[in-house]
N, C-alpha and C. Protein backbone atom coordinates (compact mmCIF):
# COMPACT_ATOMS: atom_id res chain seq x y z
N MET A 1 178.17 49.47 91.67
CA MET A 1 179.75 49.54 91.41
C MET A 1 180.43 50.48 91.50
N SER A 2 181.42 50.19 92.95
CA SER A 2 182.31 51.51 92.34
C SER A 2 183.19 51.24 91.61
N ALA A 3 184.26 52.21 91.55
CA ALA A 3 185.40 52.39 90.49
C ALA A 3 186.09 50.88 91.14
N LEU A 4 186.24 50.59 92.79
CA LEU A 4 187.11 49.90 93.32
C LEU A 4 186.65 48.22 93.05
N ASP A 5 185.07 48.48 92.88
CA ASP A 5 184.68 47.21 92.65
C ASP A 5 184.89 46.78 90.99
N VAL A 6 184.93 47.29 90.78
CA VAL A 6 185.08 47.38 88.87
C VAL A 6 186.73 46.81 88.77
N GLU A 7 187.24 47.43 89.28
CA GLU A 7 188.77 47.22 89.35
C GLU A 7 188.78 45.57 90.10
N GLU A 8 188.50 45.75 91.21
CA GLU A 8 188.28 44.29 91.71
C GLU A 8 187.61 42.65 90.56
N PHE A 9 186.40 43.10 90.35
CA PHE A 9 185.73 42.83 89.09
C PHE A 9 187.13 41.97 87.84
N ILE A 10 187.16 42.92 87.41
CA ILE A 10 188.44 43.35 86.41
C ILE A 10 189.28 42.22 86.90
N GLN A 11 189.95 42.07 88.51
CA GLN A 11 191.22 41.22 88.58
C GLN A 11 191.09 39.76 88.69
N GLN A 12 189.38 39.70 88.80
CA GLN A 12 188.65 38.61 89.02
C GLN A 12 188.20 37.89 88.01
N ASN A 13 188.02 38.24 86.82
CA ASN A 13 187.87 38.11 85.49
C ASN A 13 188.43 38.80 84.39
N ARG A 14 190.04 38.09 84.51
CA ARG A 14 190.50 38.69 83.33
C ARG A 14 190.11 38.94 82.07
N ALA A 15 189.59 37.58 81.70
CA ALA A 15 189.26 37.20 80.38
C ALA A 15 187.96 37.62 79.91
N LEU A 16 187.02 37.83 80.91
CA LEU A 16 186.39 38.90 80.29
C LEU A 16 186.47 40.24 80.25
N ALA A 17 187.52 40.84 81.18
CA ALA A 17 187.68 42.21 81.11
C ALA A 17 188.78 42.21 79.59
N GLU A 18 189.87 41.69 79.40
CA GLU A 18 190.26 41.15 77.92
C GLU A 18 189.16 41.56 77.12
N GLN A 19 188.64 40.98 77.12
CA GLN A 19 187.14 41.21 76.00
C GLN A 19 186.67 41.79 76.13
N VAL A 20 186.10 43.11 77.20
CA VAL A 20 185.20 44.24 76.87
C VAL A 20 186.43 45.48 76.32
N GLU A 21 187.91 45.19 77.00
CA GLU A 21 188.68 46.23 76.70
C GLU A 21 188.55 46.23 74.86
N THR A 22 188.60 44.98 74.15
CA THR A 22 188.45 45.30 72.63
C THR A 22 187.30 46.13 72.18
N PHE A 23 185.98 46.53 72.95
CA PHE A 23 184.86 47.00 72.52
C PHE A 23 185.09 48.55 72.70
N ARG A 24 186.26 48.98 73.55
CA ARG A 24 186.67 50.51 73.24
C ARG A 24 186.65 51.27 71.99
N GLY A 25 186.42 52.20 71.90
CA GLY A 25 186.49 52.83 70.38
C GLY A 25 187.66 54.12 70.44
N TYR A 26 188.12 54.10 69.20
CA TYR A 26 189.77 54.58 69.50
C TYR A 26 188.94 56.44 69.54
N TRP A 27 187.75 57.12 69.63
CA TRP A 27 187.61 58.24 69.85
C TRP A 27 187.10 58.28 71.39
N GLU A 28 186.64 57.69 72.13
CA GLU A 28 186.24 57.28 73.32
C GLU A 28 187.56 58.26 74.40
N SER A 29 187.23 59.14 75.04
CA SER A 29 188.24 59.50 76.39
C SER A 29 188.40 58.74 77.48
N GLU A 30 189.48 58.71 77.79
CA GLU A 30 189.77 57.95 78.93
C GLU A 30 188.07 57.74 80.34
N LYS A 31 187.95 59.24 80.54
CA LYS A 31 186.27 58.96 81.26
C LYS A 31 185.61 58.72 80.20
N GLN A 32 184.80 58.61 79.87
CA GLN A 32 183.77 57.96 78.58
C GLN A 32 184.01 56.17 78.63
N TRP A 33 185.27 56.03 78.47
CA TRP A 33 185.62 54.18 78.28
C TRP A 33 185.48 53.92 80.00
N GLN A 34 185.81 54.68 80.74
CA GLN A 34 185.84 54.25 82.19
C GLN A 34 184.28 54.21 82.23
N ALA A 35 183.66 54.76 82.13
CA ALA A 35 182.26 54.86 82.34
C ALA A 35 181.37 53.64 81.14
N ARG A 36 181.70 53.75 80.11
CA ARG A 36 180.78 52.63 79.08
C ARG A 36 181.40 51.35 79.73
N ARG A 37 182.94 51.20 79.90
CA ARG A 37 183.17 49.94 80.47
C ARG A 37 182.50 49.34 81.83
N GLU A 38 182.36 50.67 82.71
CA GLU A 38 181.62 49.70 83.79
C GLU A 38 180.33 49.42 83.27
N PHE A 39 179.45 50.05 82.52
CA PHE A 39 177.89 49.43 81.82
C PHE A 39 177.95 48.50 81.52
N LEU A 40 179.36 47.86 80.53
CA LEU A 40 179.21 46.79 80.03
C LEU A 40 179.63 45.77 81.13
N LEU A 41 180.47 45.89 82.22
CA LEU A 41 180.24 45.18 82.78
C LEU A 41 179.62 44.44 83.74
N ARG A 42 178.45 45.58 83.91
CA ARG A 42 177.35 45.75 84.99
C ARG A 42 176.44 44.39 84.20
N ASN A 43 176.57 44.66 83.22
CA ASN A 43 175.24 43.88 82.39
C ASN A 43 175.45 42.54 81.15
N ILE A 44 176.73 42.32 81.26
CA ILE A 44 177.91 41.64 79.97
C ILE A 44 177.10 40.45 80.40
N SER A 45 176.64 39.70 81.68
CA SER A 45 175.81 38.05 82.36
C SER A 45 174.65 38.12 81.72
N GLU A 46 174.14 39.33 81.53
CA GLU A 46 172.66 39.06 81.03
C GLU A 46 172.38 39.20 79.37
N TYR A 47 173.86 38.76 78.76
CA TYR A 47 173.73 38.67 77.19
C TYR A 47 175.05 37.07 77.01
N LYS A 48 174.95 36.32 75.65
CA LYS A 48 175.62 35.34 75.66
C LYS A 48 176.78 36.15 75.12
N SER A 49 177.52 35.65 75.03
CA SER A 49 179.06 36.18 74.14
C SER A 49 178.85 35.78 73.02
N GLN A 50 178.08 35.33 71.94
CA GLN A 50 178.02 35.66 70.65
C GLN A 50 176.65 36.69 70.38
N GLN A 51 176.26 37.07 71.44
CA GLN A 51 174.67 38.10 71.29
C GLN A 51 175.38 39.30 71.95
N LEU A 52 176.24 40.17 71.69
CA LEU A 52 176.42 41.27 72.75
C LEU A 52 176.47 42.32 71.66
N ASP A 53 176.04 42.09 70.50
CA ASP A 53 175.79 43.03 69.95
C ASP A 53 174.34 44.36 70.52
N PRO A 54 173.58 43.78 70.87
CA PRO A 54 172.41 44.99 71.44
C PRO A 54 173.28 45.40 72.73
N LEU A 55 173.92 44.82 73.35
CA LEU A 55 174.74 45.09 74.47
C LEU A 55 175.35 46.79 74.46
N LEU A 56 176.36 45.83 73.31
CA LEU A 56 177.44 46.89 72.88
C LEU A 56 176.66 48.75 72.21
N ALA A 57 175.53 48.12 71.35
CA ALA A 57 174.47 49.37 71.38
C ALA A 57 174.02 50.17 72.37
N LEU A 58 173.78 49.23 73.46
CA LEU A 58 173.24 50.07 74.56
C LEU A 58 173.71 50.46 75.26
N SER A 59 174.69 50.01 75.34
CA SER A 59 176.29 50.79 76.04
C SER A 59 176.41 52.24 75.49
N MET A 60 176.28 52.39 73.91
CA MET A 60 176.50 53.90 72.82
C MET A 60 175.42 54.64 73.52
N VAL A 61 174.23 53.64 73.65
CA VAL A 61 173.37 55.05 73.73
C VAL A 61 173.44 55.41 75.21
N TRP A 62 173.73 54.76 75.79
CA TRP A 62 173.67 55.57 77.50
C TRP A 62 174.79 56.67 76.90
N ALA A 63 175.91 55.94 77.18
CA ALA A 63 177.05 57.19 76.39
C ALA A 63 176.94 58.44 75.80
N ASN A 64 176.28 58.19 74.56
CA ASN A 64 175.88 59.17 73.86
C ASN A 64 175.10 59.92 74.67
N ASN A 65 174.09 59.43 75.24
CA ASN A 65 172.54 60.01 75.92
C ASN A 65 173.99 61.27 77.48
N VAL A 66 174.44 60.67 77.73
CA VAL A 66 174.91 61.35 78.82
C VAL A 66 176.20 62.11 78.36
N PHE A 67 177.11 61.61 77.49
CA PHE A 67 178.36 62.70 77.17
C PHE A 67 178.22 63.89 75.96
N LEU A 68 177.07 63.40 75.31
CA LEU A 68 177.05 64.25 73.79
C LEU A 68 175.59 64.80 73.95
N GLY A 69 174.29 64.40 74.88
CA GLY A 69 173.29 64.77 75.09
C GLY A 69 172.25 64.17 73.94
N CYS A 70 172.98 63.82 73.46
CA CYS A 70 171.85 62.68 72.13
C CYS A 70 170.86 62.10 73.32
N ARG A 71 169.58 62.27 71.78
CA ARG A 71 167.87 62.48 72.52
C ARG A 71 167.47 60.81 71.79
N TYR A 72 166.78 59.66 72.34
CA TYR A 72 166.50 58.83 72.01
C TYR A 72 164.98 58.84 72.75
N SER A 73 164.36 57.84 72.46
CA SER A 73 162.83 57.51 72.85
C SER A 73 162.88 57.63 73.98
N THR A 74 161.96 57.81 75.25
CA THR A 74 161.34 57.85 76.69
C THR A 74 161.68 56.46 76.81
N GLU A 75 161.40 55.29 76.15
CA GLU A 75 161.39 53.69 76.24
C GLU A 75 162.60 53.35 76.49
N LEU A 76 163.66 53.75 75.25
CA LEU A 76 165.00 52.97 75.42
C LEU A 76 165.45 53.78 76.32
N LEU A 77 165.51 55.26 76.88
CA LEU A 77 166.21 56.41 77.55
C LEU A 77 165.91 55.29 79.38
N GLU A 78 164.56 55.35 79.44
CA GLU A 78 164.34 54.32 80.48
C GLU A 78 165.34 52.86 80.71
N LYS A 79 165.20 52.22 79.76
CA LYS A 79 165.91 50.71 79.82
C LYS A 79 167.76 51.46 79.58
N VAL A 80 168.17 52.37 79.38
CA VAL A 80 169.54 52.50 79.83
C VAL A 80 169.82 52.97 80.71
N LYS A 81 169.01 53.83 81.08
CA LYS A 81 169.32 54.73 82.97
C LYS A 81 169.12 53.54 83.73
N GLU A 82 167.78 52.49 83.83
CA GLU A 82 167.63 51.60 84.32
C GLU A 82 169.12 50.81 84.78
N MET A 83 169.50 50.36 83.60
CA MET A 83 170.85 49.39 83.51
C MET A 83 171.96 49.81 84.10
N ALA A 84 172.46 51.59 84.17
CA ALA A 84 173.11 52.43 84.54
C ALA A 84 173.28 52.05 85.74
N GLU A 85 171.89 52.08 86.27
CA GLU A 85 171.71 52.67 87.90
C GLU A 85 172.92 52.10 88.71
N GLY A 86 173.45 53.38 89.04
CA GLY A 86 174.65 53.46 90.23
C GLY A 86 175.69 53.32 89.57
N ILE A 87 175.90 53.75 88.72
CA ILE A 87 177.43 54.57 87.88
C ILE A 87 177.61 55.45 88.32
N VAL A 88 178.60 56.53 88.69
CA VAL A 88 178.56 57.47 88.67
C VAL A 88 179.57 58.35 87.36
N VAL A 89 179.46 59.21 86.97
CA VAL A 89 180.11 59.98 85.73
C VAL A 89 180.07 61.85 86.73
N VAL A 90 181.75 61.57 87.25
CA VAL A 90 181.77 62.77 87.34
C VAL A 90 182.36 64.16 86.75
N ASP A 91 181.79 64.92 86.78
CA ASP A 91 181.31 66.15 85.82
C ASP A 91 181.17 65.88 84.44
N ALA A 92 179.87 65.24 83.90
CA ALA A 92 179.30 64.73 83.13
C ALA A 92 178.57 66.33 82.63
N PRO A 93 178.63 66.37 81.32
CA PRO A 93 177.90 67.70 81.26
C PRO A 93 176.51 67.58 81.16
N VAL A 94 176.15 69.01 81.10
CA VAL A 94 175.05 69.58 81.51
C VAL A 94 174.22 70.26 80.12
N PHE A 95 173.14 69.07 79.52
CA PHE A 95 172.63 69.77 78.02
C PHE A 95 171.47 70.32 78.27
N LYS A 96 171.00 71.56 77.81
CA LYS A 96 169.68 71.63 77.45
C LYS A 96 169.19 71.95 76.32
N THR A 97 167.54 71.14 76.28
CA THR A 97 167.30 71.24 75.29
C THR A 97 167.18 72.60 73.86
N ARG A 98 166.25 72.68 73.10
CA ARG A 98 166.05 74.01 72.32
C ARG A 98 164.98 74.59 73.20
N ASP A 99 163.63 74.09 73.64
CA ASP A 99 162.80 74.04 73.98
C ASP A 99 163.12 75.39 75.39
N GLU A 100 164.39 74.54 75.96
CA GLU A 100 164.31 74.89 77.18
C GLU A 100 165.05 76.66 77.79
N ILE A 101 165.91 76.28 76.18
CA ILE A 101 166.47 77.24 76.06
C ILE A 101 165.79 78.88 75.75
N VAL A 102 165.08 78.17 74.40
CA VAL A 102 163.42 79.30 74.09
C VAL A 102 162.76 79.99 75.27
N LYS A 103 162.50 79.19 76.30
CA LYS A 103 161.48 79.38 77.28
C LYS A 103 162.27 80.28 77.85
N LYS A 104 163.57 80.18 78.10
CA LYS A 104 164.33 80.78 79.06
C LYS A 104 164.13 81.86 78.61
N GLN A 105 164.76 82.20 77.06
CA GLN A 105 165.00 83.69 76.55
C GLN A 105 163.64 84.23 76.46
N GLN A 106 162.30 83.48 76.31
CA GLN A 106 160.83 84.31 76.30
C GLN A 106 160.75 84.73 78.08
N GLY A 107 160.96 84.05 78.69
CA GLY A 107 161.01 84.71 80.33
C GLY A 107 161.63 85.93 80.56
N ARG A 108 162.83 86.10 79.60
CA ARG A 108 163.67 88.10 79.78
C ARG A 108 163.12 89.04 79.55
C-alpha cells in the first residue's frame, strides 16, 4: 500500500479513518504517525472493532522497533514485520546493538 493507496483507502473509508486517527499518540511525529497509521489500516480488518487493543499494541511494538530501536522476542518481531510488509519508512534510523559496537571496537 503506497502513500497514494493509503490516502485513497482513507477517502473511501472515512469512518474507519476517523477512528484510526484517535489512536495517534501526542508524542508521535508526523513521520512516525503516518507509518503507524498505515500499519493499523493494513491490519485493522483482521480485528473486531471491540478488540483493537492487540492491534494497537502490535503497532506500537513495530513503531518502537523501527523508530526507537527497541528489541523484542524474535517471534514477536517476525509477526509485526510480516504485518508491516510493504510499508516504506523513508530515512528510518539505523541502530546498532551493544554487541555490534563492542565487536567493531575489538576489531580495531
